[in-house]
PDB file of N, CA and C in Angstrom:
ATOM      1  N   MET A   1      -2.897   0.618 -15.280  1.00  0.00           N
ATOM      2  CA  MET A   1      -3.165  -0.468 -13.963  1.00  0.00           C
ATOM      3  C   MET A   1      -3.220   0.074 -12.757  1.00  0.00           C
ATOM      4  N   GLU A   2      -1.266   1.002 -12.368  1.00  0.00           N
ATOM      5  CA  GLU A   2      -0.953   1.389 -11.710  1.00  0.00           C
ATOM      6  C   GLU A   2      -1.278   2.667 -10.872  1.00  0.00           C
ATOM      7  N   PHE A   3      -2.059   3.161 -11.914  1.00  0.00           N
ATOM      8  CA  PHE A   3      -2.913   4.433 -11.713  1.00  0.00           C
ATOM      9  C   PHE A   3      -4.168   3.859 -10.906  1.00  0.00           C
ATOM     10  N   LEU A   4      -4.927   3.048 -11.282  1.00  0.00           N
ATOM     11  CA  LEU A   4      -6.127   2.429 -11.129  1.00  0.00           C
ATOM     12  C   LEU A   4      -5.690   2.166  -9.476  1.00  0.00           C
ATOM     13  N   ILE A   5      -4.694   1.305  -9.754  1.00  0.00           N
ATOM     14  CA  ILE A   5      -4.752   0.285  -8.185  1.00  0.00           C
ATOM     15  C   ILE A   5      -4.692   1.698  -7.223  1.00  0.00           C
ATOM     16  N   LEU A   6      -3.301   2.849  -7.009  1.00  0.00           N
ATOM     17  CA  LEU A   6      -3.549   3.927  -6.944  1.00  0.00           C
ATOM     18  C   LEU A   6      -4.824   4.667  -5.954  1.00  0.00           C
ATOM     19  N   GLU A   7      -5.725   5.132  -6.817  1.00  0.00           N
ATOM     20  CA  GLU A   7      -6.633   5.582  -6.928  1.00  0.00           C
ATOM     21  C   GLU A   7      -8.039   5.044  -6.115  1.00  0.00           C
ATOM     22  N   THR A   8      -8.092   3.685  -6.196  1.00  0.00           N
ATOM     23  CA  THR A   8      -8.955   2.888  -5.475  1.00  0.00           C
ATOM     24  C   THR A   8      -7.986   2.748  -4.267  1.00  0.00           C
ATOM     25  N   SER A   9      -6.473   2.620  -3.808  1.00  0.00           N
ATOM     26  CA  SER A   9      -5.853   2.088  -2.455  1.00  0.00           C
ATOM     27  C   SER A   9      -5.910   3.802  -1.776  1.00  0.00           C
ATOM     28  N   ASN A  10      -6.450   4.365  -2.611  1.00  0.00           N
ATOM     29  CA  ASN A  10      -6.462   5.958  -1.732  1.00  0.00           C
ATOM     30  C   ASN A  10      -7.875   6.353  -1.228  1.00  0.00           C
ATOM     31  N   SER A  11      -8.769   5.884  -1.784  1.00  0.00           N
ATOM     32  CA  SER A  11     -10.092   5.817  -1.122  1.00  0.00           C
ATOM     33  C   SER A  11     -10.215   4.793   0.295  1.00  0.00           C
ATOM     34  N   PHE A  12     -10.018   3.577  -0.710  1.00  0.00           N
ATOM     35  CA  PHE A  12     -10.052   3.233   0.876  1.00  0.00           C
ATOM     36  C   PHE A  12      -8.805   2.948   1.660  1.00  0.00           C
ATOM     37  N   SER A  13      -8.467   3.650   1.438  1.00  0.00           N
ATOM     38  CA  SER A  13      -7.101   3.826   3.403  1.00  0.00           C
ATOM     39  C   SER A  13      -7.973   5.513   3.509  1.00  0.00           C
ATOM     40  N   GLY A  14      -8.898   6.285   3.013  1.00  0.00           N
ATOM     41  CA  GLY A  14      -9.455   6.849   3.251  1.00  0.00           C
ATOM     42  C   GLY A  14     -10.511   6.599   4.622  1.00  0.00           C
ATOM     43  N   ARG A  15     -11.577   5.610   3.600  1.00  0.00           N
ATOM     44  CA  ARG A  15     -12.419   5.338   4.395  1.00  0.00           C
ATOM     45  C   ARG A  15     -12.226   4.082   5.979  1.00  0.00           C
ATOM     46  N   ARG A  16     -11.295   3.632   5.907  1.00  0.00           N
ATOM     47  CA  ARG A  16     -10.794   2.542   6.826  1.00  0.00           C
ATOM     48  C   ARG A  16      -9.636   3.231   8.161  1.00  0.00           C
ATOM     49  N   LEU A  17      -9.547   4.511   7.243  1.00  0.00           N
ATOM     50  CA  LEU A  17      -8.308   5.312   8.806  1.00  0.00           C
ATOM     51  C   LEU A  17      -9.046   5.508   9.761  1.00  0.00           C
ATOM     52  N   LYS A  18      -8.861   5.021  11.278  1.00  0.00           N
ATOM     53  CA  LYS A  18      -8.622   5.184  11.948  1.00  0.00           C
ATOM     54  C   LYS A  18      -8.143   6.639  12.709  1.00  0.00           C
ATOM     55  N   ILE A  19      -9.035   7.616  12.562  1.00  0.00           N
ATOM     56  CA  ILE A  19      -8.647   9.029  13.558  1.00  0.00           C
ATOM     57  C   ILE A  19      -9.693   8.816  14.688  1.00  0.00           C
ATOM     58  N   ASN A  20      -9.097   8.987  16.022  1.00  0.00           N
ATOM     59  CA  ASN A  20      -9.304   9.411  17.133  1.00  0.00           C
ATOM     60  C   ASN A  20     -10.688   8.385  17.466  1.00  0.00           C
ATOM     61  N   GLY A  21     -10.388   6.367  17.197  1.00  0.00           N
ATOM     62  CA  GLY A  21     -10.966   5.633  17.048  1.00  0.00           C
ATOM     63  C   GLY A  21     -12.270   5.059  16.529  1.00  0.00           C
ATOM     64  N   LYS A  22     -12.454   6.129  15.250  1.00  0.00           N
ATOM     65  CA  LYS A  22     -13.634   6.437  14.546  1.00  0.00           C
ATOM     66  C   LYS A  22     -13.116   6.152  12.644  1.00  0.00           C
ATOM     67  N   THR A  23     -13.531   5.079  11.878  1.00  0.00           N
ATOM     68  CA  THR A  23     -12.718   5.011  10.670  1.00  0.00           C
ATOM     69  C   THR A  23     -14.130   5.972   9.980  1.00  0.00           C
ATOM     70  N   GLY A  24     -12.993   7.291   8.930  1.00  0.00           N
ATOM     71  CA  GLY A  24     -13.450   7.972   8.143  1.00  0.00           C
ATOM     72  C   GLY A  24     -13.403   8.998   8.191  1.00  0.00           C
ATOM     73  N   ASN A  25     -12.904   9.163   9.925  1.00  0.00           N
ATOM     74  CA  ASN A  25     -13.154  10.583  10.385  1.00  0.00           C
ATOM     75  C   ASN A  25     -11.891  11.619  10.150  1.00  0.00           C
ATOM     76  N   LEU A  26     -11.605  11.538   8.865  1.00  0.00           N
ATOM     77  CA  LEU A  26     -10.548  12.196   8.669  1.00  0.00           C
ATOM     78  C   LEU A  26     -10.471  14.031   8.935  1.00  0.00           C
ATOM     79  N   GLY A  27     -11.511  14.810   8.346  1.00  0.00           N
ATOM     80  CA  GLY A  27     -11.605  15.879   8.899  1.00  0.00           C
ATOM     81  C   GLY A  27     -10.585  16.779   8.539  1.00  0.00           C
ATOM     82  N   ASN A  28     -10.019  17.575   8.844  1.00  0.00           N
ATOM     83  CA  ASN A  28      -9.095  18.639   9.197  1.00  0.00           C
ATOM     84  C   ASN A  28      -7.646  17.856   9.269  1.00  0.00           C
ATOM     85  N   VAL A  29      -7.882  17.420   9.715  1.00  0.00           N
ATOM     86  CA  VAL A  29      -6.615  16.401  10.486  1.00  0.00           C
ATOM     87  C   VAL A  29      -5.249  15.578   9.818  1.00  0.00           C
ATOM     88  N   VAL A  30      -6.485  15.075   8.607  1.00  0.00           N
ATOM     89  CA  VAL A  30      -5.566  13.861   7.963  1.00  0.00           C
ATOM     90  C   VAL A  30      -5.726  14.438   6.407  1.00  0.00           C
ATOM     91  N   HIS A  31      -5.027  14.613   5.701  1.00  0.00           N
ATOM     92  CA  HIS A  31      -4.978  14.631   4.094  1.00  0.00           C
ATOM     93  C   HIS A  31      -4.282  13.720   2.944  1.00  0.00           C
ATOM     94  N   ILE A  32      -5.018  13.283   2.094  1.00  0.00           N
ATOM     95  CA  ILE A  32      -4.707  12.066   0.921  1.00  0.00           C
ATOM     96  C   ILE A  32      -4.394  12.887  -0.074  1.00  0.00           C
ATOM     97  N   GLU A  33      -3.401  12.890  -0.484  1.00  0.00           N
ATOM     98  CA  GLU A  33      -2.646  13.111  -1.695  1.00  0.00           C
ATOM     99  C   GLU A  33      -2.279  12.464  -2.591  1.00  0.00           C
ATOM    100  N   ARG A  34      -2.934  12.237  -4.117  1.00  0.00           N
ATOM    101  CA  ARG A  34      -2.141  11.457  -4.965  1.00  0.00           C
ATOM    102  C   ARG A  34      -1.367  12.182  -6.234  1.00  0.00           C
ATOM    103  N   LEU A  35      -0.148  11.729  -5.877  1.00  0.00           N
ATOM    104  CA  LEU A  35       1.203  12.698  -6.737  1.00  0.00           C
ATOM    105  C   LEU A  35       1.285  11.825  -8.028  1.00  0.00           C
ATOM    106  N   LYS A  36       0.871  11.632  -9.117  1.00  0.00           N
ATOM    107  CA  LYS A  36       1.436  10.504 -10.582  1.00  0.00           C
ATOM    108  C   LYS A  36       1.136   8.989  -9.470  1.00  0.00           C
ATOM    109  N   ASN A  37       2.686   8.148  -9.382  1.00  0.00           N
ATOM    110  CA  ASN A  37       2.307   6.536  -8.808  1.00  0.00           C
ATOM    111  C   ASN A  37       2.713   6.995  -7.587  1.00  0.00           C
ATOM    112  N   LYS A  38       2.354   8.072  -6.411  1.00  0.00           N
ATOM    113  CA  LYS A  38       2.872   8.010  -5.003  1.00  0.00           C
ATOM    114  C   LYS A  38       1.732   8.764  -4.423  1.00  0.00           C
ATOM    115  N   ILE A  39       1.328   7.846  -3.350  1.00  0.00           N
ATOM    116  CA  ILE A  39       0.294   8.425  -2.302  1.00  0.00           C
ATOM    117  C   ILE A  39       0.996   9.159  -0.660  1.00  0.00           C
ATOM    118  N   THR A  40       0.529  10.420  -0.339  1.00  0.00           N
ATOM    119  CA  THR A  40       1.010  11.266   0.320  1.00  0.00           C
ATOM    120  C   THR A  40      -0.045  11.323   1.395  1.00  0.00           C
ATOM    121  N   VAL A  41      -0.126  10.778   2.357  1.00  0.00           N
ATOM    122  CA  VAL A  41      -0.392  11.212   3.916  1.00  0.00           C
ATOM    123  C   VAL A  41       0.320  12.227   4.302  1.00  0.00           C
ATOM    124  N   VAL A  42      -0.938  13.173   4.740  1.00  0.00           N
ATOM    125  CA  VAL A  42       0.035  14.018   5.351  1.00  0.00           C
ATOM    126  C   VAL A  42      -1.311  14.488   6.950  1.00  0.00           C
ATOM    127  N   SER A  43      -0.688  14.229   8.307  1.00  0.00           N
ATOM    128  CA  SER A  43      -0.894  14.246   9.081  1.00  0.00           C
ATOM    129  C   SER A  43      -0.896  15.153  10.365  1.00  0.00           C
ATOM    130  N   GLU A  44      -1.531  15.954  11.162  1.00  0.00           N
ATOM    131  CA  GLU A  44      -1.038  16.833  12.228  1.00  0.00           C
ATOM    132  C   GLU A  44      -1.063  16.354  13.673  1.00  0.00           C
ATOM    133  N   LYS A  45      -1.898  15.067  13.264  1.00  0.00           N
ATOM    134  CA  LYS A  45      -1.646  14.298  14.838  1.00  0.00           C
ATOM    135  C   LYS A  45      -0.706  13.138  14.524  1.00  0.00           C
ATOM    136  N   GLN A  46       0.008  12.382  15.808  1.00  0.00           N
ATOM    137  CA  GLN A  46       0.693  11.758  15.844  1.00  0.00           C
ATOM    138  C   GLN A  46       0.138  10.568  14.750  1.00  0.00           C
ATOM    139  N   PHE A  47       0.640   9.831  13.809  1.00  0.00           N
ATOM    140  CA  PHE A  47       0.200   8.641  12.607  1.00  0.00           C
ATOM    141  C   PHE A  47       1.169   7.474  12.148  1.00  0.00           C
ATOM    142  N   SER A  48       0.592   6.764  12.685  1.00  0.00           N
ATOM    143  CA  SER A  48       1.306   5.310  12.419  1.00  0.00           C
ATOM    144  C   SER A  48       1.835   4.610  11.138  1.00  0.00           C
ATOM    145  N   LYS A  49       3.025   5.030  10.472  1.00  0.00           N
ATOM    146  CA  LYS A  49       3.432   4.599   9.515  1.00  0.00           C
ATOM    147  C   LYS A  49       3.479   2.841   8.991  1.00  0.00           C
ATOM    148  N   ARG A  50       3.416   2.379  10.856  1.00  0.00           N
ATOM    149  CA  ARG A  50       2.777   0.663  10.141  1.00  0.00           C
ATOM    150  C   ARG A  50       1.417   0.607  10.048  1.00  0.00           C
ATOM    151  N   TYR A  51       0.525   0.986  10.546  1.00  0.00           N
ATOM    152  CA  TYR A  51      -1.178   0.936  10.471  1.00  0.00           C
ATOM    153  C   TYR A  51      -1.326   1.648   9.007  1.00  0.00           C
ATOM    154  N   LEU A  52      -0.204   2.862   8.167  1.00  0.00           N
ATOM    155  CA  LEU A  52      -0.808   2.426   6.466  1.00  0.00           C
ATOM    156  C   LEU A  52      -0.488   1.707   5.897  1.00  0.00           C
ATOM    157  N   LYS A  53       0.616   0.715   6.084  1.00  0.00           N
ATOM    158  CA  LYS A  53       1.126  -0.575   5.033  1.00  0.00           C
ATOM    159  C   LYS A  53       0.157  -1.355   5.700  1.00  0.00           C
ATOM    160  N   TYR A  54      -0.558  -1.617   7.575  1.00  0.00           N
ATOM    161  CA  TYR A  54      -1.559  -2.537   7.064  1.00  0.00           C
ATOM    162  C   TYR A  54      -2.608  -1.965   6.384  1.00  0.00           C
ATOM    163  N   LEU A  55      -3.117  -1.295   6.010  1.00  0.00           N
ATOM    164  CA  LEU A  55      -4.442  -1.058   5.430  1.00  0.00           C
ATOM    165  C   LEU A  55      -4.215  -1.225   4.436  1.00  0.00           C
ATOM    166  N   ILE A  56      -2.841  -0.777   3.493  1.00  0.00           N
ATOM    167  CA  ILE A  56      -2.561  -0.942   1.814  1.00  0.00           C
ATOM    168  C   ILE A  56      -2.651  -2.899   1.618  1.00  0.00           C
ATOM    169  N   LYS A  57      -2.218  -3.036   2.807  1.00  0.00           N
ATOM    170  CA  LYS A  57      -1.874  -4.765   3.073  1.00  0.00           C
ATOM    171  C   LYS A  57      -2.870  -5.220   2.394  1.00  0.00           C
ATOM    172  N   LYS A  58      -3.936  -4.968   3.194  1.00  0.00           N
ATOM    173  CA  LYS A  58      -4.990  -5.431   3.958  1.00  0.00           C
ATOM    174  C   LYS A  58      -5.948  -5.116   2.148  1.00  0.00           C
ATOM    175  N   TYR A  59      -6.187  -4.140   1.932  1.00  0.00           N
ATOM    176  CA  TYR A  59      -6.578  -3.825   0.525  1.00  0.00           C
ATOM    177  C   TYR A  59      -6.626  -4.645  -0.314  1.00  0.00           C
ATOM    178  N   LEU A  60      -4.591  -4.906  -0.259  1.00  0.00           N
ATOM    179  CA  LEU A  60      -4.261  -5.548  -2.129  1.00  0.00           C
ATOM    180  C   LEU A  60      -4.679  -7.100  -1.475  1.00  0.00           C
ATOM    181  N   LYS A  61      -4.865  -7.600  -0.516  1.00  0.00           N
ATOM    182  CA  LYS A  61      -5.483  -8.811  -0.467  1.00  0.00           C
ATOM    183  C   LYS A  61      -7.079  -8.827  -0.696  1.00  0.00           C
ATOM    184  N   LYS A  62      -7.726  -7.816  -0.724  1.00  0.00           N
ATOM    185  CA  LYS A  62      -8.875  -8.005  -0.454  1.00  0.00           C
ATOM    186  C   LYS A  62      -9.319  -8.015  -2.147  1.00  0.00           C
ATOM    187  N   ASN A  63      -8.182  -7.379  -2.516  1.00  0.00           N
ATOM    188  CA  ASN A  63      -8.562  -7.115  -4.567  1.00  0.00           C
ATOM    189  C   ASN A  63      -7.788  -8.522  -5.106  1.00  0.00           C
ATOM    190  N   ASN A  64      -6.969  -9.325  -4.591  1.00  0.00           N
ATOM    191  CA  ASN A  64      -6.477 -10.762  -5.013  1.00  0.00           C
ATOM    192  C   ASN A  64      -5.036  -9.511  -5.624  1.00  0.00           C
ATOM    193  N   LEU A  65      -4.613  -8.831  -5.152  1.00  0.00           N
ATOM    194  CA  LEU A  65      -3.102  -8.286  -5.888  1.00  0.00           C
ATOM    195  C   LEU A  65      -2.504  -8.724  -5.042  1.00  0.00           C
ATOM    196  N   ARG A  66      -2.379  -9.194  -4.104  1.00  0.00           N
ATOM    197  CA  ARG A  66      -1.499  -9.433  -2.962  1.00  0.00           C
ATOM    198  C   ARG A  66      -0.094 -10.471  -3.644  1.00  0.00           C
ATOM    199  N   ASP A  67      -0.497 -11.051  -4.496  1.00  0.00           N
ATOM    200  CA  ASP A  67       0.330 -11.560  -5.277  1.00  0.00           C
ATOM    201  C   ASP A  67       1.266 -11.492  -6.245  1.00  0.00           C
ATOM    202  N   TRP A  68       0.595  -9.961  -6.541  1.00  0.00           N
ATOM    203  CA  TRP A  68       1.569  -9.523  -7.969  1.00  0.00           C
ATOM    204  C   TRP A  68       2.647  -8.521  -7.540  1.00  0.00           C
ATOM    205  N   LEU A  69       1.779  -7.643  -6.310  1.00  0.00           N
ATOM    206  CA  LEU A  69       2.222  -6.575  -5.163  1.00  0.00           C
ATOM    207  C   LEU A  69       3.008  -7.081  -4.242  1.00  0.00           C
ATOM    208  N   ARG A  70       3.933  -5.829  -3.569  1.00  0.00           N
ATOM    209  CA  ARG A  70       4.557  -6.035  -2.220  1.00  0.00           C
ATOM    210  C   ARG A  70       4.821  -4.561  -1.942  1.00  0.00           C
ATOM    211  N   VAL A  71       4.348  -4.035  -0.597  1.00  0.00           N
ATOM    212  CA  VAL A  71       4.731  -3.236   0.180  1.00  0.00           C
ATOM    213  C   VAL A  71       6.220  -2.695   0.166  1.00  0.00           C
ATOM    214  N   VAL A  72       6.921  -1.519  -0.069  1.00  0.00           N
ATOM    215  CA  VAL A  72       8.306  -1.344   0.466  1.00  0.00           C
ATOM    216  C   VAL A  72       8.483  -0.527   1.113  1.00  0.00           C
ATOM    217  N   ALA A  73       8.975   0.046   1.793  1.00  0.00           N
ATOM    218  CA  ALA A  73       9.247   1.492   2.797  1.00  0.00           C
ATOM    219  C   ALA A  73      11.252   1.860   1.845  1.00  0.00           C
ATOM    220  N   SER A  74      10.865   2.681   1.141  1.00  0.00           N
ATOM    221  CA  SER A  74      11.634   3.385   0.172  1.00  0.00           C
ATOM    222  C   SER A  74      13.011   3.963   1.115  1.00  0.00           C
ATOM    223  N   ASP A  75      11.646   4.761   2.154  1.00  0.00           N
ATOM    224  CA  ASP A  75      12.713   5.556   3.242  1.00  0.00           C
ATOM    225  C   ASP A  75      12.043   5.554   3.830  1.00  0.00           C
ATOM    226  N   LYS A  76      12.497   6.506   5.218  1.00  0.00           N
ATOM    227  CA  LYS A  76      11.886   6.405   6.796  1.00  0.00           C
ATOM    228  C   LYS A  76      10.412   7.049   6.789  1.00  0.00           C
ATOM    229  N   GLU A  77       9.682   7.574   5.560  1.00  0.00           N
ATOM    230  CA  GLU A  77       8.790   8.232   5.185  1.00  0.00           C
ATOM    231  C   GLU A  77       8.056   7.763   4.446  1.00  0.00           C
ATOM    232  N   THR A  78       8.492   6.661   3.479  1.00  0.00           N
ATOM    233  CA  THR A  78       7.766   6.428   2.035  1.00  0.00           C
ATOM    234  C   THR A  78       7.044   5.836   2.174  1.00  0.00           C
ATOM    235  N   TYR A  79       6.797   4.704   1.430  1.00  0.00           N
ATOM    236  CA  TYR A  79       6.108   3.364   1.107  1.00  0.00           C
ATOM    237  C   TYR A  79       6.106   3.364  -0.209  1.00  0.00           C
ATOM    238  N   GLU A  80       6.944   2.298  -1.321  1.00  0.00           N
ATOM    239  CA  GLU A  80       5.861   2.436  -2.495  1.00  0.00           C
ATOM    240  C   GLU A  80       5.437   0.937  -2.975  1.00  0.00           C
ATOM    241  N   LEU A  81       4.759   0.436  -3.864  1.00  0.00           N
ATOM    242  CA  LEU A  81       4.387  -0.577  -4.364  1.00  0.00           C
ATOM    243  C   LEU A  81       5.495  -0.769  -4.837  1.00  0.00           C
ATOM    244  N   HIS A  82       5.911  -2.267  -5.552  1.00  0.00           N
ATOM    245  CA  HIS A  82       6.450  -2.707  -6.180  1.00  0.00           C
ATOM    246  C   HIS A  82       5.843  -4.086  -6.339  1.00  0.00           C
ATOM    247  N   TYR A  83       6.193  -4.618  -8.075  1.00  0.00           N
ATOM    248  CA  TYR A  83       5.856  -5.943  -8.220  1.00  0.00           C
ATOM    249  C   TYR A  83       7.046  -7.126  -7.882  1.00  0.00           C
ATOM    250  N   PHE A  84       6.767  -7.894  -7.489  1.00  0.00           N
ATOM    251  CA  PHE A  84       7.643  -8.970  -7.080  1.00  0.00           C
ATOM    252  C   PHE A  84       8.320  -9.632  -8.489  1.00  0.00           C
ATOM    253  N   GLN A  85       9.404  -9.854  -8.051  1.00  0.00           N
ATOM    254  CA  GLN A  85      10.697 -10.710  -8.654  1.00  0.00           C
ATOM    255  C   GLN A  85      10.035 -11.787  -9.211  1.00  0.00           C
ATOM    256  N   ILE A  86       9.903 -12.200 -10.623  1.00  0.00           N
ATOM    257  CA  ILE A  86       9.993 -14.071 -10.171  1.00  0.00           C
ATOM    258  C   ILE A  86      10.894 -14.161 -11.236  1.00  0.00           C
ATOM    259  N   SER A  87      11.464 -14.939 -10.856  1.00  0.00           N
ATOM    260  CA  SER A  87      13.148 -15.179 -12.144  1.00  0.00           C
ATOM    261  C   SER A  87      12.671 -17.124 -12.168  1.00  0.00           C
ATOM    262  N   GLN A  88      13.022 -17.165 -13.632  1.00  0.00           N
ATOM    263  CA  GLN A  88      12.513 -18.449 -13.800  1.00  0.00           C
ATOM    264  C   GLN A  88      13.614 -18.831 -14.000  1.00  0.00           C
ATOM    265  N   ASP A  89      13.943 -20.062 -13.287  1.00  0.00           N
ATOM    266  CA  ASP A  89      15.966 -21.065 -13.026  1.00  0.00           C
ATOM    267  C   ASP A  89      15.543 -21.816 -14.105  1.00  0.00           C
ATOM    268  N   GLU A  90      16.133 -22.153 -15.071  1.00  0.00           N
ATOM    269  CA  GLU A  90      15.552 -23.029 -16.035  1.00  0.00           C
ATOM    270  C   GLU A  90      17.215 -24.171 -15.482  1.00  0.00           C
ATOM    271  N   ASP A  91      18.180 -23.777 -14.896  1.00  0.00           N
ATOM    272  CA  ASP A  91      18.645 -24.700 -14.514  1.00  0.00           C
ATOM    273  C   ASP A  91      18.126 -25.427 -13.109  1.00  0.00           C
ATOM    274  N   GLY A  92      17.447 -25.498 -12.289  1.00  0.00           N
ATOM    275  CA  GLY A  92      16.359 -25.725 -11.041  1.00  0.00           C
ATOM    276  C   GLY A  92      15.332 -26.214 -11.794  1.00  0.00           C
ATOM    277  N   SER A  93      14.868 -25.931 -12.963  1.00  0.00           N
ATOM    278  CA  SER A  93      13.800 -26.556 -13.385  1.00  0.00           C
ATOM    279  C   SER A  93      14.080 -28.116 -13.219  1.00  0.00           C
ATOM    280  N   GLU A  94      15.337 -28.651 -13.669  1.00  0.00           N
ATOM    281  CA  GLU A  94      15.230 -29.745 -14.615  1.00  0.00           C
ATOM    282  C   GLU A  94      15.633 -30.995 -13.385  1.00  0.00           C
ATOM    283  N   SER A  95      14.478 -31.708 -13.335  1.00  0.00           N
ATOM    284  CA  SER A  95      14.429 -32.764 -12.291  1.00  0.00           C
ATOM    285  C   SER A  95      16.285 -33.599 -12.458  1.00  0.00           C
ATOM    286  N   GLU A  96      16.518 -33.826 -10.988  1.00  0.00           N
ATOM    287  CA  GLU A  96      18.165 -34.808 -10.438  1.00  0.00           C
ATOM    288  C   GLU A  96      17.568 -36.471 -10.602  1.00  0.00           C
ATOM    289  N   ASP A  97      18.299 -36.943 -11.180  1.00  0.00           N
ATOM    290  CA  ASP A  97      18.953 -38.239 -11.284  1.00  0.00           C
ATOM    291  C   ASP A  97      19.422 -38.662  -9.902  1.00  0.00           C
TER     292      ASP A  97
END
């Protein structure tokens, strides 16, 4: 499942990415590579990390994956996809009298 999400996210980001005001205008300026469970974006021009996060969130919402996955900054230059931690607290599920 992770492989499929990253593969389609990679192509989605490549089509939606704006360079010089035009979408899909990657040319030789931006290179998108997928390595196992990471997508690497290398740009020769200044590129906003926040814009990439916006595109990934947009992709997750479009494919109804936003309820299970979230985008997390693991360090200054990297974003990762993590599953939401859903803890089922049995003590909190009981009704109070």
